[in-house]
Amino acid sequence: MANTKTIRIKTISEFHELRGLPKPEHPLISMVDYRDIHRPANIGDTNWILDFYQISLKHGIGAKLKYGQQQYDFDEGVMFFIAPHQVFRIDPDGDEPSKRSGWMLLVHPDFLWGTSLAKGIHQYEFFGYAVNEALFLSDREEKTMHGIVQNIKQEYHSNIDKFTQGIIISQIESLLNYSERFYHRQFITRKITNHQLLDKLETLLNEYFSSGQLSAKGLPTVQYLADGLYVSPKYLTGLLKVLTGQTAQQHLHEKLIARAKEMLSTTPLSVSEIAYELGFEHTQSFSRFFKTKTNITPVQFRQSFNNN
């Protein structure tokens, strides 16, 4: 929207102040109850950027979150992950504070400094998956998450000593590891939705291959495909990896080889003409690519096919 402004929240203390919360007990980490949060009047007209991690579990929020290319409705309990420096917007939708429940864990990257999680946190791709799919939990899974959060709360509210950081870090790692497990389960159990996405991917690729764009632009990028499917590149690659064992790039190459085989076996086009149609500038490059993927050259494939 034209009047949307962007506000960057640099510290957890600043977040508490903007949301009407008391000062955090620790400047680099905070546990927040959603029932205590007050939304500013301009929240729907503002893009927000946090300089820290936010991990949330929400019920009855009565709002939609605009994050990347998709909106999320929080009528059901979901976990949501936001990494530092990512842009999001909250659109209130008849929110009733009395119906809110859930928690929010805020962790500044400086809290992780000097620990294995400082580097390891980047391996959790759901901070990117959140752009297009929040994590839905079963009752049992939610109880597991609440148990871990209670451990963090207990340590957070205790007197800080030299063991505090290590204990909280270990609990955060458990929270993230369980989240990774549950995301993987979500990929597997949502087969209908996922296969619909794969069907849309195949349609998108077929249209691209049939439109002559290969010769003009070469293979579509993963970003191009992700944009066409309204998902993030990480989400698309992760989904394909779980369902097919291939990355998005490998899937593209397999599609290209299938197209090459089709042209070699059903058209009179020369190998150089086929190479051009498939976006290769040089015939030798196409032949090397084809042999790498099939262990035979395009000419050998055509000869063996015609000899069958």
Foldseek 3Di string as FASTA:
>chain_A
DVQEEEDEDEWPQSVCVQQVHPGAPDGFKHKFWLLSGHHDPCQQRYKYFYQWKKKKWKAQQQKWKQFQQDIDDRNATWIAIAGGGGIMGIGHHPGDSVGIGIMMMIGHLVLCPPHPCNVVVVVLCVNQQNNPDTFHDDPVLVVVLVVLVVQLVVLSPDDDDPCSSVSNVVSVVVNSVSSSVRVLVVLVVPVVVLVVLVVQLVVVQVCCLVVLVCLVPNQDDLCVSCVVSVGHSSNQQVSCCSPPVGGPVVVSLVVLLVVLLCCLAPHPDDLQVSCSSRNHPDSVVVQVSNCVVVVHGSVVSSVVNVVD
